Amino acid sequence: MTRGPVRDAVRVPALVRPRRLVAGDRVGIVAPAGPVPQAMLEAGLDVLRDWGLDPVVAPHVLDDHPSGYLAGADQARADDLRDAWCDPALAAVICARGGYGTQRMADLLDWDAMRQATPKAFLGYSDITVLHEAFASRLGVATLHGPMPGTPAFLADTAGREHLRRTLFTPEEVLALHAPAARALVPGRAAGVTLGGCLSLLASDLGTRSGRPSAAGGILLLEDTGEEAYRLDRFLTQLLRAGWLDGVAAVALGSWLGCGPADDVRALLLDRLGPLGVPILDNLGFGHCVPSLTIPLGVPAVLDTTTATLTADLPALT
């Protein structure tokens, strides 16, 4: 296919980009969602220390909760995130892991106080999608969708860790994102501001105070894990029926680990998203996979299925 003109992105705005990290920076570690295994977290923090960072673990990260699936009480998790974001001594806030629970604490955050703080790098994925959306809609701050230090994947993913390190310290070196298996589902080229994350969380965020009203004009990134085909269908259909996907400029698809045979998932995604009539790039290699790319959210970019790349116009961090 001949490369056509770039579509204009007119609605999803570019967001404020925090500064990059340098050796010696202190970074806050928070747990907005599920419980964090201490030994695994310590191993991940050792990686950050090897990068020259000084990780500061928030007070409630290793708390227990009667549910067994939350990293402590909702308000405690919210307080940890607020305090880390508002602490001028910290250069970044890094989520230890995903799981479930971010939705329970998102509206307990002191957004007024956080709005007064200097923006800083914020990292996470999976359940953290809720916070990516909230940081965009409430704070106007660009964030990073990438590997988290309290997870098995972080420790196993040498290539993903290196890509994250470069994104944090030398982001101009990783403007163009590509994975060997990436290919077009719907060919084309389009410009827009990146947004998205975990499909099930985006669907669950509809109508909340933290979710944005539309993905119009944006390059939407989608991935998920452990969801059967009919559930993926349900999430996509909900976004379509709500009009949230109307006017989206392009779609980039990540991993679908544990969601069924790859060909079946691909057929479903094409069935639901193909009628949008926008470029769709499959297998870009982000989310619940190894290796996993770090994707900047809230930055202007171009998705090109001919080169199978998503290329940011600007570095993720200044």
C-alpha atoms as a PDB file:
ATOM      1  CA  MET A   1       0.000   0.000   0.000  1.00  0.00           C
ATOM      2  CA  THR A   2       1.239   3.501  -0.845  1.00  0.00           C
ATOM      3  CA  ARG A   3       1.785   5.572   2.243  1.00  0.00           C
ATOM      4  CA  GLY A   4      -0.933   8.190   2.444  1.00  0.00           C
ATOM      5  CA  PRO A   5      -1.241  11.518   4.208  1.00  0.00           C
ATOM      6  CA  VAL A   6      -1.143  11.600   7.968  1.00  0.00           C
ATOM      7  CA  ARG A   7      -4.572  12.030   9.533  1.00  0.00           C
ATOM      8  CA  ASP A   8      -4.944  15.087  11.740  1.00  0.00           C
ATOM      9  CA  ALA A   9      -5.475  14.568  15.463  1.00  0.00           C
ATOM     10  CA  VAL A  10      -7.763  17.277  16.779  1.00  0.00           C
ATOM     11  CA  ARG A  11      -9.184  16.317  20.158  1.00  0.00           C
ATOM     12  CA  VAL A  12      -6.966  14.281  22.492  1.00  0.00           C
ATOM     13  CA  PRO A  13      -4.469  16.914  23.711  1.00  0.00           C
ATOM     14  CA  ALA A  14      -0.751  16.504  24.186  1.00  0.00           C
ATOM     15  CA  LEU A  15       0.116  16.535  27.880  1.00  0.00           C
ATOM     16  CA  VAL A  16       2.851  18.037  30.046  1.00  0.00           C
ATOM     17  CA  ARG A  17       5.992  15.878  29.894  1.00  0.00           C
ATOM     18  CA  PRO A  18       7.931  15.527  33.175  1.00  0.00           C
ATOM     19  CA  ARG A  19      11.709  15.652  33.278  1.00  0.00           C
ATOM     20  CA  ARG A  20      13.909  12.637  32.610  1.00  0.00           C
ATOM     21  CA  LEU A  21      15.788  10.841  35.371  1.00  0.00           C
ATOM     22  CA  VAL A  22      19.469  11.153  36.179  1.00  0.00           C
ATOM     23  CA  ALA A  23      21.748   9.045  38.354  1.00  0.00           C
ATOM     24  CA  GLY A  24      21.197   9.823  42.015  1.00  0.00           C
ATOM     25  CA  ASP A  25      17.486  10.576  41.679  1.00  0.00           C
ATOM     26  CA  ARG A  26      15.195   9.340  44.442  1.00  0.00           C
ATOM     27  CA  VAL A  27      12.063   7.589  43.148  1.00  0.00           C
ATOM     28  CA  GLY A  28       8.929   6.713  45.079  1.00  0.00           C
ATOM     29  CA  ILE A  29       7.579   3.150  45.022  1.00  0.00           C
ATOM     30  CA  VAL A  30       3.824   2.789  45.577  1.00  0.00           C
ATOM     31  CA  ALA A  31       1.278  -0.043  45.432  1.00  0.00           C
ATOM     32  CA  PRO A  32      -2.093   1.325  44.258  1.00  0.00           C
ATOM     33  CA  ALA A  33      -3.565  -2.100  43.467  1.00  0.00           C
ATOM     34  CA  GLY A  34      -2.658  -5.665  44.449  1.00  0.00           C
ATOM     35  CA  PRO A  35      -0.381  -7.017  47.198  1.00  0.00           C
ATOM     36  CA  VAL A  36       3.348  -6.997  46.547  1.00  0.00           C
ATOM     37  CA  PRO A  37       5.614  -9.977  47.347  1.00  0.00           C
ATOM     38  CA  GLN A  38       8.461  -8.510  49.390  1.00  0.00           C
ATOM     39  CA  ALA A  39      11.279 -10.675  48.013  1.00  0.00           C
ATOM     40  CA  MET A  40      10.252  -9.978  44.432  1.00  0.00           C
ATOM     41  CA  LEU A  41      10.028  -6.257  45.095  1.00  0.00           C
ATOM     42  CA  GLU A  42      13.477  -6.204  46.681  1.00  0.00           C
ATOM     43  CA  ALA A  43      14.947  -7.901  43.624  1.00  0.00           C
ATOM     44  CA  GLY A  44      13.286  -5.297  41.396  1.00  0.00           C
ATOM     45  CA  LEU A  45      14.509  -2.442  43.567  1.00  0.00           C
ATOM     46  CA  ASP A  46      18.049  -3.785  43.243  1.00  0.00           C
ATOM     47  CA  VAL A  47      17.723  -3.298  39.473  1.00  0.00           C
ATOM     48  CA  LEU A  48      16.717   0.331  40.019  1.00  0.00           C
ATOM     49  CA  ARG A  49      19.675   0.789  42.345  1.00  0.00           C
ATOM     50  CA  ASP A  50      21.971  -0.646  39.668  1.00  0.00           C
ATOM     51  CA  TRP A  51      20.677   2.121  37.400  1.00  0.00           C
ATOM     52  CA  GLY A  52      21.854   4.704  39.934  1.00  0.00           C
ATOM     53  CA  LEU A  53      18.415   5.413  41.384  1.00  0.00           C
ATOM     54  CA  ASP A  54      17.502   5.570  45.068  1.00  0.00           C
ATOM     55  CA  PRO A  55      14.091   3.877  45.498  1.00  0.00           C
ATOM     56  CA  VAL A  56      11.993   5.021  48.452  1.00  0.00           C
ATOM     57  CA  VAL A  57       9.265   2.520  49.355  1.00  0.00           C
ATOM     58  CA  ALA A  58       6.035   4.142  50.554  1.00  0.00           C
ATOM     59  CA  PRO A  59       4.887   3.230  54.082  1.00  0.00           C
ATOM     60  CA  HIS A  60       1.953   0.990  53.113  1.00  0.00           C
ATOM     61  CA  VAL A  61       3.357  -0.896  50.114  1.00  0.00           C
ATOM     62  CA  LEU A  62       3.751  -4.151  52.036  1.00  0.00           C
ATOM     63  CA  ASP A  63       0.542  -3.854  54.077  1.00  0.00           C
ATOM     64  CA  ASP A  64      -1.858  -6.788  54.324  1.00  0.00           C
ATOM     65  CA  HIS A  65      -5.581  -6.580  53.639  1.00  0.00           C
ATOM     66  CA  PRO A  66      -8.362  -9.002  54.651  1.00  0.00           C
ATOM     67  CA  SER A  67      -9.404  -9.398  51.005  1.00  0.00           C
ATOM     68  CA  GLY A  68      -6.098 -10.990  50.058  1.00  0.00           C
ATOM     69  CA  TYR A  69      -6.147  -9.124  46.758  1.00  0.00           C
ATOM     70  CA  LEU A  70      -5.425  -5.549  47.857  1.00  0.00           C
ATOM     71  CA  ALA A  71      -2.160  -3.936  48.956  1.00  0.00           C
ATOM     72  CA  GLY A  72      -3.562  -2.518  52.164  1.00  0.00           C
ATOM     73  CA  ALA A  73      -6.524  -0.222  52.841  1.00  0.00           C
ATOM     74  CA  ASP A  74      -7.870   1.976  50.045  1.00  0.00           C
ATOM     75  CA  GLN A  75      -7.144   5.257  51.816  1.00  0.00           C
ATOM     76  CA  ALA A  76      -3.623   4.131  52.765  1.00  0.00           C
ATOM     77  CA  ARG A  77      -2.824   3.299  49.144  1.00  0.00           C
ATOM     78  CA  ALA A  78      -4.214   6.661  48.054  1.00  0.00           C
ATOM     79  CA  ASP A  79      -2.222   8.503  50.723  1.00  0.00           C
ATOM     80  CA  ASP A  80       0.990   6.794  49.646  1.00  0.00           C
ATOM     81  CA  LEU A  81       0.489   7.867  46.035  1.00  0.00           C
ATOM     82  CA  ARG A  82      -0.492  11.428  46.957  1.00  0.00           C
ATOM     83  CA  ASP A  83       2.481  11.829  49.278  1.00  0.00           C
ATOM     84  CA  ALA A  84       4.941  10.440  46.726  1.00  0.00           C
ATOM     85  CA  TRP A  85       3.577  12.640  43.944  1.00  0.00           C
ATOM     86  CA  CYS A  86       3.674  15.747  46.120  1.00  0.00           C
ATOM     87  CA  ASP A  87       7.140  15.082  47.584  1.00  0.00           C
ATOM     88  CA  PRO A  88       9.589  17.458  45.839  1.00  0.00           C
ATOM     89  CA  ALA A  89      12.493  15.192  46.822  1.00  0.00           C
ATOM     90  CA  LEU A  90      11.204  12.413  44.517  1.00  0.00           C
ATOM     91  CA  ALA A  91      11.837  12.555  40.778  1.00  0.00           C
ATOM     92  CA  ALA A  92       9.406   9.783  39.790  1.00  0.00           C
ATOM     93  CA  VAL A  93       6.613   7.590  41.108  1.00  0.00           C
ATOM     94  CA  ILE A  94       6.806   3.917  40.135  1.00  0.00           C
ATOM     95  CA  CYS A  95       4.024   1.432  40.764  1.00  0.00           C
ATOM     96  CA  ALA A  96       5.258  -1.844  42.215  1.00  0.00           C
ATOM     97  CA  ARG A  97       2.647  -3.979  40.432  1.00  0.00           C
ATOM     98  CA  GLY A  98      -0.908  -4.063  39.095  1.00  0.00           C
ATOM     99  CA  GLY A  99      -3.529  -6.637  40.053  1.00  0.00           C
ATOM    100  CA  TYR A 100      -6.800  -5.098  41.238  1.00  0.00           C
ATOM    101  CA  GLY A 101      -7.660  -2.148  43.426  1.00  0.00           C
ATOM    102  CA  THR A 102      -6.759   1.056  41.602  1.00  0.00           C
ATOM    103  CA  GLN A 103     -10.392   1.865  40.889  1.00  0.00           C
ATOM    104  CA  ARG A 104     -11.163   1.624  44.611  1.00  0.00           C
ATOM    105  CA  MET A 105      -8.647   4.311  45.537  1.00  0.00           C
ATOM    106  CA  ALA A 106      -8.672   6.650  42.506  1.00  0.00           C
ATOM    107  CA  ASP A 107     -11.396   8.926  43.889  1.00  0.00           C
ATOM    108  CA  LEU A 108      -9.767   8.991  47.338  1.00  0.00           C
ATOM    109  CA  LEU A 109      -6.711  10.825  46.011  1.00  0.00           C
ATOM    110  CA  ASP A 110      -6.329  14.518  46.830  1.00  0.00           C
ATOM    111  CA  TRP A 111      -6.299  15.691  43.230  1.00  0.00           C
ATOM    112  CA  ASP A 112      -6.236  19.364  44.221  1.00  0.00           C
ATOM    113  CA  ALA A 113      -2.996  18.847  46.143  1.00  0.00           C
ATOM    114  CA  MET A 114      -1.533  16.728  43.365  1.00  0.00           C
ATOM    115  CA  ARG A 115      -2.384  19.396  40.811  1.00  0.00           C
ATOM    116  CA  GLN A 116      -0.198  21.851  42.720  1.00  0.00           C
ATOM    117  CA  ALA A 117       2.840  19.534  42.652  1.00  0.00           C
ATOM    118  CA  THR A 118       5.543  19.620  39.990  1.00  0.00           C
ATOM    119  CA  PRO A 119       4.848  16.844  37.456  1.00  0.00           C
ATOM    120  CA  LYS A 120       7.177  13.846  37.575  1.00  0.00           C
ATOM    121  CA  ALA A 121       7.553  10.562  35.732  1.00  0.00           C
ATOM    122  CA  PHE A 122       4.799   8.064  36.583  1.00  0.00           C
ATOM    123  CA  LEU A 123       5.158   4.395  35.578  1.00  0.00           C
ATOM    124  CA  GLY A 124       2.919   1.340  35.561  1.00  0.00           C
ATOM    125  CA  TYR A 125       0.544  -0.742  33.452  1.00  0.00           C
ATOM    126  CA  SER A 126      -2.347  -3.228  33.724  1.00  0.00           C
ATOM    127  CA  ASP A 127      -4.636  -2.034  36.571  1.00  0.00           C
ATOM    128  CA  ILE A 128      -2.625   1.205  36.615  1.00  0.00           C
ATOM    129  CA  THR A 129      -4.463   2.126  33.391  1.00  0.00           C
ATOM    130  CA  VAL A 130      -7.044   3.812  35.638  1.00  0.00           C
ATOM    131  CA  LEU A 131      -4.360   6.153  36.951  1.00  0.00           C
ATOM    132  CA  HIS A 132      -2.947   6.840  33.485  1.00  0.00           C
ATOM    133  CA  GLU A 133      -6.405   8.048  32.504  1.00  0.00           C
ATOM    134  CA  ALA A 134      -6.815  10.041  35.710  1.00  0.00           C
ATOM    135  CA  PHE A 135      -3.405  11.698  35.415  1.00  0.00           C
ATOM    136  CA  ALA A 136      -4.310  12.719  31.862  1.00  0.00           C
ATOM    137  CA  SER A 137      -7.799  14.018  32.632  1.00  0.00           C
ATOM    138  CA  ARG A 138      -7.218  15.522  36.091  1.00  0.00           C
ATOM    139  CA  LEU A 139      -3.554  16.602  35.995  1.00  0.00           C
ATOM    140  CA  GLY A 140      -2.787  16.967  32.292  1.00  0.00           C
ATOM    141  CA  VAL A 141       0.434  14.972  32.741  1.00  0.00           C
ATOM    142  CA  ALA A 142       1.982  12.448  30.337  1.00  0.00           C
ATOM    143  CA  THR A 143       2.779   9.050  31.859  1.00  0.00           C
ATOM    144  CA  LEU A 144       4.637   5.833  31.033  1.00  0.00           C
ATOM    145  CA  HIS A 145       2.976   2.462  30.337  1.00  0.00           C
ATOM    146  CA  GLY A 146       5.734   0.020  31.200  1.00  0.00           C
ATOM    147  CA  PRO A 147       7.228  -2.750  33.365  1.00  0.00           C
ATOM    148  CA  MET A 148       6.902  -2.595  37.161  1.00  0.00           C
ATOM    149  CA  PRO A 149       9.623  -3.741  39.591  1.00  0.00           C
ATOM    150  CA  GLY A 150       7.425  -5.904  41.858  1.00  0.00           C
ATOM    151  CA  THR A 151       6.459  -8.395  39.145  1.00  0.00           C
ATOM    152  CA  PRO A 152       7.988 -11.652  37.829  1.00  0.00           C
ATOM    153  CA  ALA A 153       7.961 -10.248  34.287  1.00  0.00           C
ATOM    154  CA  PHE A 154      10.205  -7.349  35.293  1.00  0.00           C
ATOM    155  CA  LEU A 155      12.852  -9.721  36.599  1.00  0.00           C
ATOM    156  CA  ALA A 156      12.601 -12.031  33.569  1.00  0.00           C
ATOM    157  CA  ASP A 157      12.546  -9.309  30.907  1.00  0.00           C
ATOM    158  CA  THR A 158      16.104  -8.147  30.252  1.00  0.00           C
ATOM    159  CA  ALA A 159      15.214  -6.414  26.991  1.00  0.00           C
ATOM    160  CA  GLY A 160      12.143  -4.761  28.479  1.00  0.00           C
ATOM    161  CA  ARG A 161      14.131  -3.460  31.451  1.00  0.00           C
ATOM    162  CA  GLU A 162      16.734  -1.966  29.142  1.00  0.00           C
ATOM    163  CA  HIS A 163      14.062  -0.258  27.058  1.00  0.00           C
ATOM    164  CA  LEU A 164      12.537   1.151  30.247  1.00  0.00           C
ATOM    165  CA  ARG A 165      15.932   2.372  31.458  1.00  0.00           C
ATOM    166  CA  ARG A 166      16.551   4.211  28.178  1.00  0.00           C
ATOM    167  CA  THR A 167      13.048   5.692  28.263  1.00  0.00           C
ATOM    168  CA  LEU A 168      13.690   7.063  31.750  1.00  0.00           C
ATOM    169  CA  PHE A 169      17.247   8.335  31.226  1.00  0.00           C
ATOM    170  CA  THR A 170      17.741   8.909  27.469  1.00  0.00           C
ATOM    171  CA  PRO A 171      14.234   9.032  25.960  1.00  0.00           C
ATOM    172  CA  GLU A 172      15.372  10.603  22.697  1.00  0.00           C
ATOM    173  CA  GLU A 173      17.022   7.244  21.895  1.00  0.00           C
ATOM    174  CA  VAL A 174      13.698   5.369  21.878  1.00  0.00           C
ATOM    175  CA  LEU A 175      11.352   7.594  19.902  1.00  0.00           C
ATOM    176  CA  ALA A 176      10.541   4.830  17.399  1.00  0.00           C
ATOM    177  CA  LEU A 177       8.836   1.761  18.870  1.00  0.00           C
ATOM    178  CA  HIS A 178       8.854  -1.516  16.959  1.00  0.00           C
ATOM    179  CA  ALA A 179       8.524  -5.216  17.728  1.00  0.00           C
ATOM    180  CA  PRO A 180       9.670  -8.026  15.404  1.00  0.00           C
ATOM    181  CA  ALA A 181       6.163  -9.517  15.170  1.00  0.00           C
ATOM    182  CA  ALA A 182       4.369  -6.211  14.573  1.00  0.00           C
ATOM    183  CA  ARG A 183       2.237  -6.141  11.431  1.00  0.00           C
ATOM    184  CA  ALA A 184      -0.757  -4.362   9.962  1.00  0.00           C
ATOM    185  CA  LEU A 185      -4.289  -5.500  10.655  1.00  0.00           C
ATOM    186  CA  VAL A 186      -5.601  -2.456   8.797  1.00  0.00           C
ATOM    187  CA  PRO A 187      -2.951  -0.620   6.764  1.00  0.00           C
ATOM    188  CA  GLY A 188      -2.375   3.104   6.987  1.00  0.00           C
ATOM    189  CA  ARG A 189      -0.607   5.959   8.675  1.00  0.00           C
ATOM    190  CA  ALA A 190      -2.056   8.352  11.223  1.00  0.00           C
ATOM    191  CA  ALA A 191      -1.007  10.984  13.733  1.00  0.00           C
ATOM    192  CA  GLY A 192      -2.421  11.530  17.196  1.00  0.00           C
ATOM    193  CA  VAL A 193      -1.677  11.680  20.898  1.00  0.00           C
ATOM    194  CA  THR A 194      -1.102   8.321  22.574  1.00  0.00           C
ATOM    195  CA  LEU A 195      -3.522   7.007  25.179  1.00  0.00           C
ATOM    196  CA  GLY A 196      -4.896   3.706  26.445  1.00  0.00           C
ATOM    197  CA  GLY A 197      -3.653   0.620  28.238  1.00  0.00           C
ATOM    198  CA  CYS A 198      -5.548  -2.390  29.535  1.00  0.00           C
ATOM    199  CA  LEU A 199      -8.798  -2.897  27.612  1.00  0.00           C
ATOM    200  CA  SER A 200     -10.883  -4.178  30.539  1.00  0.00           C
ATOM    201  CA  LEU A 201      -9.882  -1.191  32.690  1.00  0.00           C
ATOM    202  CA  LEU A 202     -10.678   1.310  29.950  1.00  0.00           C
ATOM    203  CA  ALA A 203     -14.149  -0.214  29.603  1.00  0.00           C
ATOM    204  CA  SER A 204     -14.633  -0.214  33.380  1.00  0.00           C
ATOM    205  CA  ASP A 205     -13.551   3.433  33.551  1.00  0.00           C
ATOM    206  CA  LEU A 206     -16.374   4.670  31.331  1.00  0.00           C
ATOM    207  CA  GLY A 207     -18.587   7.164  33.133  1.00  0.00           C
ATOM    208  CA  THR A 208     -16.261   7.635  36.104  1.00  0.00           C
ATOM    209  CA  ARG A 209     -14.731  10.878  37.309  1.00  0.00           C
ATOM    210  CA  SER A 210     -11.263   9.847  36.180  1.00  0.00           C
ATOM    211  CA  GLY A 211     -12.029   8.495  32.710  1.00  0.00           C
ATOM    212  CA  ARG A 212     -11.823  10.849  29.754  1.00  0.00           C
ATOM    213  CA  PRO A 213     -14.992  11.270  27.649  1.00  0.00           C
ATOM    214  CA  SER A 214     -13.538  10.148  24.324  1.00  0.00           C
ATOM    215  CA  ALA A 215     -10.508   8.761  22.520  1.00  0.00           C
ATOM    216  CA  ALA A 216     -11.264  10.931  19.480  1.00  0.00           C
ATOM    217  CA  GLY A 217      -8.150  12.058  17.639  1.00  0.00           C
ATOM    218  CA  GLY A 218      -5.867   9.779  19.638  1.00  0.00           C
ATOM    219  CA  ILE A 219      -3.668   6.789  18.902  1.00  0.00           C
ATOM    220  CA  LEU A 220      -5.239   4.163  21.134  1.00  0.00           C
ATOM    221  CA  LEU A 221      -3.098   1.426  22.677  1.00  0.00           C
ATOM    222  CA  LEU A 222      -4.922  -1.728  23.768  1.00  0.00           C
ATOM    223  CA  GLU A 223      -3.830  -4.940  25.507  1.00  0.00           C
ATOM    224  CA  ASP A 224      -5.099  -7.309  28.191  1.00  0.00           C
ATOM    225  CA  THR A 225      -4.487 -10.631  29.873  1.00  0.00           C
ATOM    226  CA  GLY A 226      -6.504 -13.637  31.030  1.00  0.00           C
ATOM    227  CA  GLU A 227      -9.773 -12.579  29.374  1.00  0.00           C
ATOM    228  CA  GLU A 228     -11.825 -15.009  27.292  1.00  0.00           C
ATOM    229  CA  ALA A 229     -12.839 -13.974  23.789  1.00  0.00           C
ATOM    230  CA  TYR A 230     -16.430 -13.146  24.703  1.00  0.00           C
ATOM    231  CA  ARG A 231     -15.213 -10.838  27.480  1.00  0.00           C
ATOM    232  CA  LEU A 232     -12.861  -9.008  25.108  1.00  0.00           C
ATOM    233  CA  ASP A 233     -15.833  -8.714  22.753  1.00  0.00           C
ATOM    234  CA  ARG A 234     -17.923  -7.284  25.594  1.00  0.00           C
ATOM    235  CA  PHE A 235     -15.321  -4.667  26.521  1.00  0.00           C
ATOM    236  CA  LEU A 236     -14.813  -3.564  22.928  1.00  0.00           C
ATOM    237  CA  THR A 237     -18.538  -3.477  22.268  1.00  0.00           C
ATOM    238  CA  GLN A 238     -19.086  -1.362  25.376  1.00  0.00           C
ATOM    239  CA  LEU A 239     -16.510   1.172  24.184  1.00  0.00           C
ATOM    240  CA  LEU A 240     -18.093   1.193  20.738  1.00  0.00           C
ATOM    241  CA  ARG A 241     -21.669   1.567  22.006  1.00  0.00           C
ATOM    242  CA  ALA A 242     -20.629   4.378  24.342  1.00  0.00           C
ATOM    243  CA  GLY A 243     -19.140   6.278  21.395  1.00  0.00           C
ATOM    244  CA  TRP A 244     -15.783   6.356  23.152  1.00  0.00           C
ATOM    245  CA  LEU A 245     -13.985   5.146  20.008  1.00  0.00           C
ATOM    246  CA  ASP A 246     -15.695   7.587  17.627  1.00  0.00           C
ATOM    247  CA  GLY A 247     -13.037   9.586  15.795  1.00  0.00           C
ATOM    248  CA  VAL A 248     -10.030   7.642  17.081  1.00  0.00           C
ATOM    249  CA  ALA A 249      -7.080   8.190  14.713  1.00  0.00           C
ATOM    250  CA  ALA A 250      -5.407   4.756  14.937  1.00  0.00           C
ATOM    251  CA  VAL A 251      -5.063   1.682  17.139  1.00  0.00           C
ATOM    252  CA  ALA A 252      -1.928  -0.148  18.297  1.00  0.00           C
ATOM    253  CA  LEU A 253      -2.415  -3.608  19.809  1.00  0.00           C
ATOM    254  CA  GLY A 254      -0.132  -5.163  22.402  1.00  0.00           C
ATOM    255  CA  SER A 255      -0.193  -8.579  24.059  1.00  0.00           C
ATOM    256  CA  TRP A 256      -3.221 -10.779  24.805  1.00  0.00           C
ATOM    257  CA  LEU A 257      -1.584 -13.328  27.098  1.00  0.00           C
ATOM    258  CA  GLY A 258      -4.017 -15.984  28.257  1.00  0.00           C
ATOM    259  CA  CYS A 259      -6.859 -14.670  26.082  1.00  0.00           C
ATOM    260  CA  GLY A 260      -7.060 -17.698  23.790  1.00  0.00           C
ATOM    261  CA  PRO A 261      -5.498 -18.695  20.445  1.00  0.00           C
ATOM    262  CA  ALA A 262      -3.747 -15.736  18.833  1.00  0.00           C
ATOM    263  CA  ASP A 263      -5.547 -16.130  15.506  1.00  0.00           C
ATOM    264  CA  ASP A 264      -8.937 -16.144  17.241  1.00  0.00           C
ATOM    265  CA  VAL A 265      -8.112 -13.035  19.250  1.00  0.00           C
ATOM    266  CA  ARG A 266      -6.809 -11.297  16.138  1.00  0.00           C
ATOM    267  CA  ALA A 267     -10.011 -12.137  14.238  1.00  0.00           C
ATOM    268  CA  LEU A 268     -12.121 -10.765  17.093  1.00  0.00           C
ATOM    269  CA  LEU A 269     -10.128  -7.531  17.283  1.00  0.00           C
ATOM    270  CA  LEU A 270     -10.414  -7.044  13.546  1.00  0.00           C
ATOM    271  CA  ASP A 271     -14.160  -7.752  13.642  1.00  0.00           C
ATOM    272  CA  ARG A 272     -14.789  -5.168  16.369  1.00  0.00           C
ATOM    273  CA  LEU A 273     -12.193  -2.519  15.476  1.00  0.00           C
ATOM    274  CA  GLY A 274     -11.845  -2.897  11.700  1.00  0.00           C
ATOM    275  CA  PRO A 275     -15.090  -1.025  10.932  1.00  0.00           C
ATOM    276  CA  LEU A 276     -13.587   2.083  12.532  1.00  0.00           C
ATOM    277  CA  GLY A 277     -11.698   2.458   9.258  1.00  0.00           C
ATOM    278  CA  VAL A 278      -8.440   3.578  10.860  1.00  0.00           C
ATOM    279  CA  PRO A 279      -4.935   2.067  10.765  1.00  0.00           C
ATOM    280  CA  ILE A 280      -4.470  -0.845  13.183  1.00  0.00           C
ATOM    281  CA  LEU A 281      -1.034  -2.213  14.060  1.00  0.00           C
ATOM    282  CA  ASP A 282      -0.950  -5.649  15.692  1.00  0.00           C
ATOM    283  CA  ASN A 283       1.673  -7.207  18.000  1.00  0.00           C
ATOM    284  CA  LEU A 284       3.537  -4.048  18.937  1.00  0.00           C
ATOM    285  CA  GLY A 285       4.944  -5.807  22.010  1.00  0.00           C
ATOM    286  CA  PHE A 286       3.686  -3.929  25.058  1.00  0.00           C
ATOM    287  CA  GLY A 287       1.695  -4.978  28.101  1.00  0.00           C
ATOM    288  CA  HIS A 288       1.603  -8.474  29.619  1.00  0.00           C
ATOM    289  CA  CYS A 289       4.395  -9.948  27.513  1.00  0.00           C
ATOM    290  CA  VAL A 290       8.134 -10.519  27.522  1.00  0.00           C
ATOM    291  CA  PRO A 291       9.816  -8.494  26.191  1.00  0.00           C
ATOM    292  CA  SER A 292       7.575  -5.503  26.833  1.00  0.00           C
ATOM    293  CA  LEU A 293       8.133  -2.022  25.457  1.00  0.00           C
ATOM    294  CA  THR A 294       7.611   1.098  27.539  1.00  0.00           C
ATOM    295  CA  ILE A 295       5.037   3.311  25.819  1.00  0.00           C
ATOM    296  CA  PRO A 296       4.675   7.039  26.537  1.00  0.00           C
ATOM    297  CA  LEU A 297       1.039   8.085  26.996  1.00  0.00           C
ATOM    298  CA  GLY A 298       0.019  11.659  26.268  1.00  0.00           C
ATOM    299  CA  VAL A 299       2.618  12.487  23.617  1.00  0.00           C
ATOM    300  CA  PRO A 300       2.078  13.253  19.906  1.00  0.00           C
ATOM    301  CA  ALA A 301       3.113  10.340  17.694  1.00  0.00           C
ATOM    302  CA  VAL A 302       2.665   8.724  14.289  1.00  0.00           C
ATOM    303  CA  LEU A 303       1.562   5.142  13.767  1.00  0.00           C
ATOM    304  CA  ASP A 304       2.722   3.705  10.438  1.00  0.00           C
ATOM    305  CA  THR A 305       1.772   0.159   9.488  1.00  0.00           C
ATOM    306  CA  THR A 306       4.135   0.165   6.492  1.00  0.00           C
ATOM    307  CA  THR A 307       7.153   0.377   8.791  1.00  0.00           C
ATOM    308  CA  ALA A 308       5.241  -1.287  11.682  1.00  0.00           C
ATOM    309  CA  THR A 309       6.275   1.512  14.035  1.00  0.00           C
ATOM    310  CA  LEU A 310       4.828   3.919  16.536  1.00  0.00           C
ATOM    311  CA  THR A 311       7.089   6.967  16.552  1.00  0.00           C
ATOM    312  CA  ALA A 312       6.808   9.736  19.110  1.00  0.00           C
ATOM    313  CA  ASP A 313       7.297  13.298  17.877  1.00  0.00           C
ATOM    314  CA  LEU A 314       8.915  14.212  21.190  1.00  0.00           C
ATOM    315  CA  PRO A 315      10.818  12.296  23.867  1.00  0.00           C
ATOM    316  CA  ALA A 316       8.604  10.843  26.595  1.00  0.00           C
ATOM    317  CA  LEU A 317      10.442  12.928  29.197  1.00  0.00           C
ATOM    318  CA  THR A 318      12.066  16.329  28.798  1.00  0.00           C
END
